[in-house]
């Protein structure tokens, strides 16, 4: 398709987007600012560097747009849920909880930190303070599943210090190596359970031809409880030579 035809097709088929809420108006304004900023970054580039400067602006400002849009969407859903009258009653005694204001919370996501604001309430008979929306929308954790997956993947490839650099370079996420260590240790039992119970893990090994071998060695590992001995066992299959 020629450039002229592409432009014509775009103008004829592109629907007119009419924002329905204040949040949508805000998001469209952010998206327009992002587009203009990227173009301007390219225009300000030295001769022959338009593409490189525009790409750098996409990386920097695009990440912020994605992060801000996630925060906007989460906050909008929080506001919608908190409008429902049934969320204002204690699930234990059905007494209407006392509204004590709003609390914000920093949640680390794969797109960057978001800071949603939620209603804080307390049931006087049960003496139970609570952010009702947290359980409903899954906001109890400080780290999203996507963020934890990135951290564990990075932490399993290299040292935690190297993982910190990888997270910053590849995703623009600033996270300490100690936090990476903590999350890796926290997720380790889930990985262990998967390897022990999943039928998919040994599937390729079982199907592979050859003789089964077991190689065992030992090493020292610096754990959170100090240096420990660790045995390493590797099962493999290969054909014996000269037999």
C-alpha atoms as a PDB file:
ATOM      1  CA  UNK A   1       0.000   0.000   0.000  1.00  0.00           C
ATOM      2  CA  UNK A   2       1.388   3.411  -0.953  1.00  0.00           C
ATOM      3  CA  UNK A   3       1.906   6.232   1.522  1.00  0.00           C
ATOM      4  CA  UNK A   4      -1.011   8.131   0.003  1.00  0.00           C
ATOM      5  CA  UNK A   5      -3.326   5.136   0.317  1.00  0.00           C
ATOM      6  CA  UNK A   6      -2.218   4.506   3.910  1.00  0.00           C
ATOM      7  CA  UNK A   7      -3.081   8.067   4.880  1.00  0.00           C
ATOM      8  CA  UNK A   8      -6.430   7.889   3.107  1.00  0.00           C
ATOM      9  CA  UNK A   9      -7.282   4.563   4.737  1.00  0.00           C
ATOM     10  CA  UNK A  10      -6.290   5.901   8.157  1.00  0.00           C
ATOM     11  CA  UNK A  11      -8.467   8.983   7.860  1.00  0.00           C
ATOM     12  CA  UNK A  12     -11.484   6.961   6.703  1.00  0.00           C
ATOM     13  CA  UNK A  13     -11.313   4.068   9.176  1.00  0.00           C
ATOM     14  CA  UNK A  14      -9.974   5.671  12.352  1.00  0.00           C
ATOM     15  CA  UNK A  15     -12.892   6.071  14.781  1.00  0.00           C
ATOM     16  CA  UNK A  16     -13.393   9.283  16.715  1.00  0.00           C
ATOM     17  CA  UNK A  17     -12.618   8.548  20.364  1.00  0.00           C
ATOM     18  CA  UNK A  18     -14.924  10.402  22.737  1.00  0.00           C
ATOM     19  CA  UNK A  19     -13.815  10.130  26.377  1.00  0.00           C
ATOM     20  CA  UNK A  20     -16.613   9.162  28.730  1.00  0.00           C
ATOM     21  CA  UNK A  21     -15.028   9.906  32.111  1.00  0.00           C
ATOM     22  CA  UNK A  22     -12.569  12.327  33.656  1.00  0.00           C
ATOM     23  CA  UNK A  23     -10.026   9.494  33.889  1.00  0.00           C
ATOM     24  CA  UNK A  24     -10.285   8.841  30.150  1.00  0.00           C
ATOM     25  CA  UNK A  25      -9.836  12.548  29.424  1.00  0.00           C
ATOM     26  CA  UNK A  26      -6.722  12.548  31.593  1.00  0.00           C
ATOM     27  CA  UNK A  27      -5.305   9.454  29.902  1.00  0.00           C
ATOM     28  CA  UNK A  28      -5.883  10.807  26.378  1.00  0.00           C
ATOM     29  CA  UNK A  29      -4.192  14.058  27.385  1.00  0.00           C
ATOM     30  CA  UNK A  30      -1.191  12.082  28.693  1.00  0.00           C
ATOM     31  CA  UNK A  31      -1.027  10.039  25.478  1.00  0.00           C
ATOM     32  CA  UNK A  32      -1.107  13.204  23.356  1.00  0.00           C
ATOM     33  CA  UNK A  33       1.634  14.809  25.467  1.00  0.00           C
ATOM     34  CA  UNK A  34       3.701  11.636  25.038  1.00  0.00           C
ATOM     35  CA  UNK A  35       3.327  11.662  21.253  1.00  0.00           C
ATOM     36  CA  UNK A  36       4.247  15.331  21.005  1.00  0.00           C
ATOM     37  CA  UNK A  37       7.234  14.948  23.341  1.00  0.00           C
ATOM     38  CA  UNK A  38       8.648  12.073  21.269  1.00  0.00           C
ATOM     39  CA  UNK A  39       8.302  14.030  18.041  1.00  0.00           C
ATOM     40  CA  UNK A  40       9.895  17.083  19.611  1.00  0.00           C
ATOM     41  CA  UNK A  41      12.808  15.014  20.916  1.00  0.00           C
ATOM     42  CA  UNK A  42      13.432  13.829  17.369  1.00  0.00           C
ATOM     43  CA  UNK A  43      13.212  17.350  15.960  1.00  0.00           C
ATOM     44  CA  UNK A  44      15.751  18.588  18.518  1.00  0.00           C
ATOM     45  CA  UNK A  45      18.240  15.890  17.519  1.00  0.00           C
ATOM     46  CA  UNK A  46      21.516  16.688  15.742  1.00  0.00           C
ATOM     47  CA  UNK A  47      21.701  16.033  12.027  1.00  0.00           C
ATOM     48  CA  UNK A  48      21.262  12.351  11.196  1.00  0.00           C
ATOM     49  CA  UNK A  49      20.150  11.386  14.725  1.00  0.00           C
ATOM     50  CA  UNK A  50      16.345  11.762  14.532  1.00  0.00           C
ATOM     51  CA  UNK A  51      15.668   8.035  14.881  1.00  0.00           C
ATOM     52  CA  UNK A  52      18.024   7.541  17.815  1.00  0.00           C
ATOM     53  CA  UNK A  53      16.674  10.514  19.758  1.00  0.00           C
ATOM     54  CA  UNK A  54      13.061   9.582  19.054  1.00  0.00           C
ATOM     55  CA  UNK A  55      13.731   6.010  20.185  1.00  0.00           C
ATOM     56  CA  UNK A  56      15.303   7.211  23.435  1.00  0.00           C
ATOM     57  CA  UNK A  57      12.282   9.418  24.096  1.00  0.00           C
ATOM     58  CA  UNK A  58       9.931   6.497  23.440  1.00  0.00           C
ATOM     59  CA  UNK A  59      11.825   4.403  26.000  1.00  0.00           C
ATOM     60  CA  UNK A  60      11.812   7.082  28.669  1.00  0.00           C
ATOM     61  CA  UNK A  61       8.420   8.692  28.190  1.00  0.00           C
ATOM     62  CA  UNK A  62       6.677   5.523  27.030  1.00  0.00           C
ATOM     63  CA  UNK A  63       7.497   3.753  30.283  1.00  0.00           C
ATOM     64  CA  UNK A  64       6.052   6.651  32.247  1.00  0.00           C
ATOM     65  CA  UNK A  65       2.897   6.671  30.117  1.00  0.00           C
ATOM     66  CA  UNK A  66       2.355   2.937  30.726  1.00  0.00           C
ATOM     67  CA  UNK A  67       3.010   3.325  34.448  1.00  0.00           C
ATOM     68  CA  UNK A  68       0.683   6.322  34.731  1.00  0.00           C
ATOM     69  CA  UNK A  69      -2.069   4.565  32.752  1.00  0.00           C
ATOM     70  CA  UNK A  70      -1.906   1.528  35.057  1.00  0.00           C
ATOM     71  CA  UNK A  71      -2.094   3.777  38.104  1.00  0.00           C
ATOM     72  CA  UNK A  72      -5.024   5.652  36.562  1.00  0.00           C
ATOM     73  CA  UNK A  73      -6.934   2.459  35.734  1.00  0.00           C
ATOM     74  CA  UNK A  74      -6.356   0.975  39.205  1.00  0.00           C
ATOM     75  CA  UNK A  75      -7.430   4.183  40.947  1.00  0.00           C
ATOM     76  CA  UNK A  76     -10.554   4.444  38.786  1.00  0.00           C
ATOM     77  CA  UNK A  77     -11.537   0.880  39.702  1.00  0.00           C
ATOM     78  CA  UNK A  78     -10.895   1.581  43.389  1.00  0.00           C
ATOM     79  CA  UNK A  79     -13.193   4.608  43.221  1.00  0.00           C
ATOM     80  CA  UNK A  80     -15.915   2.565  41.506  1.00  0.00           C
ATOM     81  CA  UNK A  81     -15.750  -0.264  44.044  1.00  0.00           C
ATOM     82  CA  UNK A  82     -15.759   2.113  47.016  1.00  0.00           C
ATOM     83  CA  UNK A  83     -19.000   3.691  45.766  1.00  0.00           C
ATOM     84  CA  UNK A  84     -20.836   0.430  46.417  1.00  0.00           C
ATOM     85  CA  UNK A  85     -22.712   0.529  49.696  1.00  0.00           C
ATOM     86  CA  UNK A  86     -22.040  -3.139  50.514  1.00  0.00           C
ATOM     87  CA  UNK A  87     -18.292  -2.448  50.817  1.00  0.00           C
ATOM     88  CA  UNK A  88     -18.953  -0.221  53.831  1.00  0.00           C
ATOM     89  CA  UNK A  89     -20.205  -2.982  56.125  1.00  0.00           C
ATOM     90  CA  UNK A  90     -18.092  -5.330  58.250  1.00  0.00           C
ATOM     91  CA  UNK A  91     -18.183  -8.863  56.857  1.00  0.00           C
ATOM     92  CA  UNK A  92     -18.102 -10.312  60.393  1.00  0.00           C
ATOM     93  CA  UNK A  93     -20.837  -8.410  62.237  1.00  0.00           C
ATOM     94  CA  UNK A  94     -22.512  -6.475  59.387  1.00  0.00           C
ATOM     95  CA  UNK A  95     -22.021  -3.196  61.269  1.00  0.00           C
ATOM     96  CA  UNK A  96     -21.316  -0.156  59.136  1.00  0.00           C
ATOM     97  CA  UNK A  97     -17.638   0.687  59.481  1.00  0.00           C
ATOM     98  CA  UNK A  98     -16.376   4.123  60.495  1.00  0.00           C
ATOM     99  CA  UNK A  99     -14.666   6.063  57.722  1.00  0.00           C
ATOM    100  CA  UNK A 100     -11.235   7.244  58.917  1.00  0.00           C
ATOM    101  CA  UNK A 101      -9.903   8.901  55.771  1.00  0.00           C
ATOM    102  CA  UNK A 102      -7.708   7.694  52.910  1.00  0.00           C
ATOM    103  CA  UNK A 103      -4.325   5.996  52.793  1.00  0.00           C
ATOM    104  CA  UNK A 104      -2.018   5.723  49.791  1.00  0.00           C
ATOM    105  CA  UNK A 105       0.144   2.672  49.155  1.00  0.00           C
ATOM    106  CA  UNK A 106       3.211   2.176  46.976  1.00  0.00           C
ATOM    107  CA  UNK A 107       2.907  -0.988  44.881  1.00  0.00           C
ATOM    108  CA  UNK A 108       5.813  -2.053  42.679  1.00  0.00           C
ATOM    109  CA  UNK A 109       4.614  -3.185  39.261  1.00  0.00           C
ATOM    110  CA  UNK A 110       6.441  -4.360  36.143  1.00  0.00           C
ATOM    111  CA  UNK A 111       5.723  -0.907  34.701  1.00  0.00           C
ATOM    112  CA  UNK A 112       7.040   0.998  37.713  1.00  0.00           C
ATOM    113  CA  UNK A 113       5.687   2.012  41.128  1.00  0.00           C
ATOM    114  CA  UNK A 114       2.049   3.045  41.394  1.00  0.00           C
ATOM    115  CA  UNK A 115       0.476   4.794  44.376  1.00  0.00           C
ATOM    116  CA  UNK A 116      -3.254   4.106  44.627  1.00  0.00           C
ATOM    117  CA  UNK A 117      -5.312   5.776  47.353  1.00  0.00           C
ATOM    118  CA  UNK A 118      -7.858   3.706  49.249  1.00  0.00           C
ATOM    119  CA  UNK A 119     -10.506   4.324  51.898  1.00  0.00           C
ATOM    120  CA  UNK A 120      -9.481   3.403  55.450  1.00  0.00           C
ATOM    121  CA  UNK A 121     -12.208   2.171  57.801  1.00  0.00           C
ATOM    122  CA  UNK A 122     -12.633   0.535  61.173  1.00  0.00           C
ATOM    123  CA  UNK A 123     -15.344  -1.662  62.626  1.00  0.00           C
ATOM    124  CA  UNK A 124     -15.678  -0.556  66.250  1.00  0.00           C
ATOM    125  CA  UNK A 125     -17.408  -3.720  67.580  1.00  0.00           C
ATOM    126  CA  UNK A 126     -14.795  -5.995  65.975  1.00  0.00           C
ATOM    127  CA  UNK A 127     -11.940  -3.498  66.497  1.00  0.00           C
ATOM    128  CA  UNK A 128     -10.875  -4.292  62.965  1.00  0.00           C
ATOM    129  CA  UNK A 129      -9.149  -1.585  60.863  1.00  0.00           C
ATOM    130  CA  UNK A 130      -9.215  -2.327  57.164  1.00  0.00           C
ATOM    131  CA  UNK A 131      -8.814  -1.025  53.629  1.00  0.00           C
ATOM    132  CA  UNK A 132     -11.898  -2.805  52.193  1.00  0.00           C
ATOM    133  CA  UNK A 133     -10.867  -2.557  48.544  1.00  0.00           C
ATOM    134  CA  UNK A 134      -7.485  -4.245  49.062  1.00  0.00           C
ATOM    135  CA  UNK A 135      -8.867  -7.784  49.238  1.00  0.00           C
ATOM    136  CA  UNK A 136     -11.433  -7.175  46.498  1.00  0.00           C
ATOM    137  CA  UNK A 137      -8.906  -5.925  43.941  1.00  0.00           C
ATOM    138  CA  UNK A 138      -5.822  -7.823  45.145  1.00  0.00           C
ATOM    139  CA  UNK A 139      -3.886  -4.858  46.514  1.00  0.00           C
ATOM    140  CA  UNK A 140      -2.597  -6.531  49.697  1.00  0.00           C
ATOM    141  CA  UNK A 141       0.884  -7.269  48.311  1.00  0.00           C
ATOM    142  CA  UNK A 142       3.575  -4.620  47.837  1.00  0.00           C
ATOM    143  CA  UNK A 143       4.714  -6.267  44.582  1.00  0.00           C
ATOM    144  CA  UNK A 144       2.597  -7.375  41.614  1.00  0.00           C
ATOM    145  CA  UNK A 145       2.899 -10.842  40.084  1.00  0.00           C
ATOM    146  CA  UNK A 146       4.480  -9.322  36.975  1.00  0.00           C
ATOM    147  CA  UNK A 147       7.109  -7.515  39.030  1.00  0.00           C
ATOM    148  CA  UNK A 148       7.943 -10.618  41.056  1.00  0.00           C
ATOM    149  CA  UNK A 149       8.303 -12.671  37.869  1.00  0.00           C
ATOM    150  CA  UNK A 150      10.811 -10.175  36.441  1.00  0.00           C
ATOM    151  CA  UNK A 151      12.793 -10.079  39.671  1.00  0.00           C
ATOM    152  CA  UNK A 152      12.987 -13.864  40.026  1.00  0.00           C
ATOM    153  CA  UNK A 153      13.969 -14.288  36.382  1.00  0.00           C
ATOM    154  CA  UNK A 154      16.740 -11.676  36.695  1.00  0.00           C
ATOM    155  CA  UNK A 155      17.866 -13.003  40.079  1.00  0.00           C
ATOM    156  CA  UNK A 156      18.114 -16.581  38.848  1.00  0.00           C
ATOM    157  CA  UNK A 157      20.436 -15.678  35.959  1.00  0.00           C
ATOM    158  CA  UNK A 158      23.189 -13.775  37.758  1.00  0.00           C
ATOM    159  CA  UNK A 159      24.128 -12.377  41.143  1.00  0.00           C
ATOM    160  CA  UNK A 160      21.574 -10.155  42.837  1.00  0.00           C
ATOM    161  CA  UNK A 161      23.811  -7.141  42.186  1.00  0.00           C
ATOM    162  CA  UNK A 162      23.861  -7.976  38.462  1.00  0.00           C
ATOM    163  CA  UNK A 163      20.103  -8.533  38.543  1.00  0.00           C
ATOM    164  CA  UNK A 164      19.681  -5.004  39.898  1.00  0.00           C
ATOM    165  CA  UNK A 165      21.567  -3.630  36.893  1.00  0.00           C
ATOM    166  CA  UNK A 166      19.542  -5.781  34.484  1.00  0.00           C
ATOM    167  CA  UNK A 167      16.249  -4.548  35.942  1.00  0.00           C
ATOM    168  CA  UNK A 168      17.358  -0.948  35.535  1.00  0.00           C
ATOM    169  CA  UNK A 169      18.755  -1.319  32.011  1.00  0.00           C
ATOM    170  CA  UNK A 170      16.059  -3.523  30.489  1.00  0.00           C
ATOM    171  CA  UNK A 171      12.985  -2.280  32.352  1.00  0.00           C
ATOM    172  CA  UNK A 172      13.963   1.075  33.858  1.00  0.00           C
ATOM    173  CA  UNK A 173      13.118  -0.254  37.342  1.00  0.00           C
ATOM    174  CA  UNK A 174      15.144   0.848  40.351  1.00  0.00           C
ATOM    175  CA  UNK A 175      15.228  -1.941  42.934  1.00  0.00           C
ATOM    176  CA  UNK A 176      17.863  -2.838  45.528  1.00  0.00           C
ATOM    177  CA  UNK A 177      19.735  -6.124  45.326  1.00  0.00           C
ATOM    178  CA  UNK A 178      18.518  -6.944  48.849  1.00  0.00           C
ATOM    179  CA  UNK A 179      14.902  -6.650  47.726  1.00  0.00           C
ATOM    180  CA  UNK A 180      15.716  -8.943  44.807  1.00  0.00           C
ATOM    181  CA  UNK A 181      17.244 -11.420  47.252  1.00  0.00           C
ATOM    182  CA  UNK A 182      14.179 -11.248  49.512  1.00  0.00           C
ATOM    183  CA  UNK A 183      11.709 -11.814  46.684  1.00  0.00           C
ATOM    184  CA  UNK A 184      13.736 -14.681  45.214  1.00  0.00           C
ATOM    185  CA  UNK A 185      13.804 -16.434  48.588  1.00  0.00           C
ATOM    186  CA  UNK A 186      10.078 -15.800  48.998  1.00  0.00           C
ATOM    187  CA  UNK A 187       9.213 -17.273  45.597  1.00  0.00           C
ATOM    188  CA  UNK A 188      11.640 -20.223  45.878  1.00  0.00           C
ATOM    189  CA  UNK A 189       9.168 -22.583  47.643  1.00  0.00           C
ATOM    190  CA  UNK A 190       6.674 -22.089  44.805  1.00  0.00           C
ATOM    191  CA  UNK A 191       9.347 -22.948  42.229  1.00  0.00           C
ATOM    192  CA  UNK A 192      10.365 -26.008  44.257  1.00  0.00           C
ATOM    193  CA  UNK A 193       6.751 -27.176  44.471  1.00  0.00           C
ATOM    194  CA  UNK A 194       6.301 -26.744  40.725  1.00  0.00           C
ATOM    195  CA  UNK A 195       9.407 -28.794  39.901  1.00  0.00           C
ATOM    196  CA  UNK A 196       8.412 -31.557  42.295  1.00  0.00           C
ATOM    197  CA  UNK A 197       4.778 -31.847  41.201  1.00  0.00           C
ATOM    198  CA  UNK A 198       4.650 -30.802  37.537  1.00  0.00           C
ATOM    199  CA  UNK A 199       4.461 -33.584  34.976  1.00  0.00           C
ATOM    200  CA  UNK A 200       5.940 -31.229  32.372  1.00  0.00           C
ATOM    201  CA  UNK A 201       9.347 -30.873  34.036  1.00  0.00           C
ATOM    202  CA  UNK A 202      10.648 -34.471  33.503  1.00  0.00           C
ATOM    203  CA  UNK A 203       8.803 -34.924  30.223  1.00  0.00           C
ATOM    204  CA  UNK A 204      11.767 -34.273  27.908  1.00  0.00           C
ATOM    205  CA  UNK A 205      14.147 -36.255  30.117  1.00  0.00           C
ATOM    206  CA  UNK A 206      11.908 -39.330  30.094  1.00  0.00           C
ATOM    207  CA  UNK A 207      11.537 -39.177  26.319  1.00  0.00           C
ATOM    208  CA  UNK A 208      15.290 -38.792  25.704  1.00  0.00           C
ATOM    209  CA  UNK A 209      17.189 -41.906  24.638  1.00  0.00           C
ATOM    210  CA  UNK A 210      20.389 -43.123  26.279  1.00  0.00           C
ATOM    211  CA  UNK A 211      21.640 -44.393  29.619  1.00  0.00           C
ATOM    212  CA  UNK A 212      20.711 -42.607  32.828  1.00  0.00           C
ATOM    213  CA  UNK A 213      23.606 -41.032  34.733  1.00  0.00           C
ATOM    214  CA  UNK A 214      23.731 -39.332  38.121  1.00  0.00           C
ATOM    215  CA  UNK A 215      26.557 -36.905  38.860  1.00  0.00           C
ATOM    216  CA  UNK A 216      26.975 -35.626  42.437  1.00  0.00           C
ATOM    217  CA  UNK A 217      29.177 -32.835  43.730  1.00  0.00           C
ATOM    218  CA  UNK A 218      29.253 -30.500  46.729  1.00  0.00           C
ATOM    219  CA  UNK A 219      29.703 -26.776  47.252  1.00  0.00           C
ATOM    220  CA  UNK A 220      29.365 -24.040  49.863  1.00  0.00           C
ATOM    221  CA  UNK A 221      26.460 -21.577  49.687  1.00  0.00           C
ATOM    222  CA  UNK A 222      26.168 -18.302  51.607  1.00  0.00           C
ATOM    223  CA  UNK A 223      22.561 -18.386  52.820  1.00  0.00           C
ATOM    224  CA  UNK A 224      20.611 -15.950  54.986  1.00  0.00           C
ATOM    225  CA  UNK A 225      21.510 -18.241  57.919  1.00  0.00           C
ATOM    226  CA  UNK A 226      25.235 -18.356  57.101  1.00  0.00           C
ATOM    227  CA  UNK A 227      27.418 -20.638  54.987  1.00  0.00           C
ATOM    228  CA  UNK A 228      25.916 -24.083  54.326  1.00  0.00           C
ATOM    229  CA  UNK A 229      27.039 -27.261  52.560  1.00  0.00           C
ATOM    230  CA  UNK A 230      24.960 -28.065  49.503  1.00  0.00           C
ATOM    231  CA  UNK A 231      24.906 -31.234  47.443  1.00  0.00           C
ATOM    232  CA  UNK A 232      24.346 -30.899  43.718  1.00  0.00           C
ATOM    233  CA  UNK A 233      22.894 -33.817  41.804  1.00  0.00           C
ATOM    234  CA  UNK A 234      22.466 -33.865  38.024  1.00  0.00           C
ATOM    235  CA  UNK A 235      20.533 -36.547  36.197  1.00  0.00           C
ATOM    236  CA  UNK A 236      21.393 -36.901  32.516  1.00  0.00           C
ATOM    237  CA  UNK A 237      21.058 -39.329  29.624  1.00  0.00           C
ATOM    238  CA  UNK A 238      23.703 -40.213  27.043  1.00  0.00           C
ATOM    239  CA  UNK A 239      24.864 -43.211  25.074  1.00  0.00           C
ATOM    240  CA  UNK A 240      27.931 -44.997  26.397  1.00  0.00           C
ATOM    241  CA  UNK A 241      30.829 -45.050  23.951  1.00  0.00           C
ATOM    242  CA  UNK A 242      32.979 -48.063  23.180  1.00  0.00           C
ATOM    243  CA  UNK A 243      30.422 -50.607  24.410  1.00  0.00           C
END
